[in-house]
Structures are given as structure tokens and as C-alpha cells.
Amino acid sequence: MDRFYLLIVYGATEIEKVGPFYSADARDRRALELHQTLDCLDALFWLDLKGRKTSAGSYPAMFFEREEASHAEA
């Protein structure tokens, strides 16, 4: 079964795992919500567990620009 997580690094010292989410879309929607609460020193990463394969990475800056543009219009 595939599982999807978020990893938050707070100020380069503390790590928090959020999840599991059962789809990448659900995880990404939560990432957009969490991004609003993070400080400029915090980092948000995605983590996918698919069978025995683990993949991780960072979100591109433009992923969060959609969210900021929609808040600016409101």
C-alpha cells in the first residue's frame, strides 16, 4: 500500500512527520494549509513510500505561489 507523508523541519533543528495520507493529492492539499503556518526558517518536504521504495523531496516555490495568488485576490 502506498503511503504519503509530509516532513516539516522547524528552524533546521526539529523534524515532524505528518501523515500518513492515502493519496498524494490529499498530502499536497495539507501542505498548502501548513505552509501558511510556517516561519521563514522552516522547511516542508514530501515523502512517498511505495512498496519498498522511498522517495523524498522539496516542493518547488511555484507550488505555493498558487495559494498566495488566491489569497491576494480575496
C-alpha atoms as a PDB file:
ATOM      1  CA  MET A   1       0.000   0.000   0.000  1.00  0.00           C
ATOM      2  CA  ASP A   2       1.295   3.440  -0.928  1.00  0.00           C
ATOM      3  CA  ARG A   3       1.604   5.993   1.843  1.00  0.00           C
ATOM      4  CA  PHE A   4       2.358   9.686   1.589  1.00  0.00           C
ATOM      5  CA  TYR A   5       3.776  11.946   4.336  1.00  0.00           C
ATOM      6  CA  LEU A   6       4.948  15.474   4.979  1.00  0.00           C
ATOM      7  CA  LEU A   7       8.165  16.221   6.806  1.00  0.00           C
ATOM      8  CA  ILE A   8       8.494  19.591   8.490  1.00  0.00           C
ATOM      9  CA  VAL A   9      11.896  20.818   9.627  1.00  0.00           C
ATOM     10  CA  TYR A  10      11.487  23.602  12.170  1.00  0.00           C
ATOM     11  CA  GLY A  11      14.402  26.034  12.256  1.00  0.00           C
ATOM     12  CA  ALA A  12      16.803  23.335  10.994  1.00  0.00           C
ATOM     13  CA  THR A  13      16.636  21.544  14.374  1.00  0.00           C
ATOM     14  CA  GLU A  14      13.342  19.695  14.899  1.00  0.00           C
ATOM     15  CA  ILE A  15      11.643  17.292  12.492  1.00  0.00           C
ATOM     16  CA  GLU A  16       7.951  16.419  12.489  1.00  0.00           C
ATOM     17  CA  LYS A  17       6.295  13.746  10.326  1.00  0.00           C
ATOM     18  CA  VAL A  18       2.669  14.436   9.328  1.00  0.00           C
ATOM     19  CA  GLY A  19       0.538  11.638   7.931  1.00  0.00           C
ATOM     20  CA  PRO A  20       0.034   9.113   6.545  1.00  0.00           C
ATOM     21  CA  PHE A  21      -2.109  10.378   3.726  1.00  0.00           C
ATOM     22  CA  TYR A  22      -3.590   7.858   1.334  1.00  0.00           C
ATOM     23  CA  SER A  23      -3.079   9.989  -1.782  1.00  0.00           C
ATOM     24  CA  ALA A  24      -0.501  12.491  -2.961  1.00  0.00           C
ATOM     25  CA  ASP A  25      -3.300  14.997  -3.630  1.00  0.00           C
ATOM     26  CA  ALA A  26      -4.514  14.843  -0.016  1.00  0.00           C
ATOM     27  CA  ARG A  27      -0.945  15.302   1.198  1.00  0.00           C
ATOM     28  CA  ASP A  28      -0.389  18.260  -1.126  1.00  0.00           C
ATOM     29  CA  ARG A  29      -3.608  19.959   0.000  1.00  0.00           C
ATOM     30  CA  ARG A  30      -2.399  19.652   3.610  1.00  0.00           C
ATOM     31  CA  ALA A  31       0.998  21.040   2.567  1.00  0.00           C
ATOM     32  CA  LEU A  32      -0.720  24.154   1.225  1.00  0.00           C
ATOM     33  CA  GLU A  33      -2.520  24.592   4.556  1.00  0.00           C
ATOM     34  CA  LEU A  34       0.612  24.020   6.637  1.00  0.00           C
ATOM     35  CA  HIS A  35       2.682  26.377   4.517  1.00  0.00           C
ATOM     36  CA  GLN A  36       0.604  29.284   5.871  1.00  0.00           C
ATOM     37  CA  THR A  37       1.683  28.478   9.438  1.00  0.00           C
ATOM     38  CA  LEU A  38       5.408  28.026   8.836  1.00  0.00           C
ATOM     39  CA  ASP A  39       8.133  30.501   9.615  1.00  0.00           C
ATOM     40  CA  CYS A  40      10.763  31.541   7.030  1.00  0.00           C
ATOM     41  CA  LEU A  41      13.331  29.257   8.719  1.00  0.00           C
ATOM     42  CA  ASP A  42      11.093  26.179   8.454  1.00  0.00           C
ATOM     43  CA  ALA A  43      11.125  23.745   5.538  1.00  0.00           C
ATOM     44  CA  LEU A  44       8.437  21.438   4.170  1.00  0.00           C
ATOM     45  CA  PHE A  45       9.234  18.203   2.301  1.00  0.00           C
ATOM     46  CA  TRP A  46       7.174  15.407   0.766  1.00  0.00           C
ATOM     47  CA  LEU A  47       7.869  11.729   1.461  1.00  0.00           C
ATOM     48  CA  ASP A  48       6.415   8.837  -0.570  1.00  0.00           C
ATOM     49  CA  LEU A  49       6.506   5.199   0.499  1.00  0.00           C
ATOM     50  CA  LYS A  50       5.551   2.947  -2.402  1.00  0.00           C
ATOM     51  CA  GLY A  51       6.113  -0.675  -1.553  1.00  0.00           C
ATOM     52  CA  ARG A  52       9.808  -0.932  -0.683  1.00  0.00           C
ATOM     53  CA  LYS A  53      10.719   2.296  -2.485  1.00  0.00           C
ATOM     54  CA  THR A  54      11.102   5.554  -0.553  1.00  0.00           C
ATOM     55  CA  SER A  55      11.226   8.930  -2.309  1.00  0.00           C
ATOM     56  CA  ALA A  56      11.535  12.371  -0.756  1.00  0.00           C
ATOM     57  CA  GLY A  57      11.939  15.901  -1.989  1.00  0.00           C
ATOM     58  CA  SER A  58      11.101  19.534  -1.555  1.00  0.00           C
ATOM     59  CA  TYR A  59       8.203  21.428  -3.047  1.00  0.00           C
ATOM     60  CA  PRO A  60       9.091  23.920  -5.795  1.00  0.00           C
ATOM     61  CA  ALA A  61       8.425  27.569  -4.884  1.00  0.00           C
ATOM     62  CA  MET A  62       5.752  27.872  -7.584  1.00  0.00           C
ATOM     63  CA  PHE A  63       3.702  25.162  -5.814  1.00  0.00           C
ATOM     64  CA  PHE A  64       2.936  27.678  -3.059  1.00  0.00           C
ATOM     65  CA  GLU A  65       2.548  30.683  -5.398  1.00  0.00           C
ATOM     66  CA  ARG A  66      -0.911  29.413  -6.453  1.00  0.00           C
ATOM     67  CA  GLU A  67      -2.000  29.636  -2.834  1.00  0.00           C
ATOM     68  CA  GLU A  68      -0.595  33.128  -2.330  1.00  0.00           C
ATOM     69  CA  ALA A  69      -2.226  34.401  -5.525  1.00  0.00           C
ATOM     70  CA  SER A  70      -5.638  33.117  -4.436  1.00  0.00           C
ATOM     71  CA  HIS A  71      -5.248  34.848  -1.027  1.00  0.00           C
ATOM     72  CA  ALA A  72      -4.284  38.123  -2.724  1.00  0.00           C
ATOM     73  CA  GLU A  73      -7.475  38.046  -4.828  1.00  0.00           C
ATOM     74  CA  ALA A  74      -9.734  37.557  -1.796  1.00  0.00           C
END
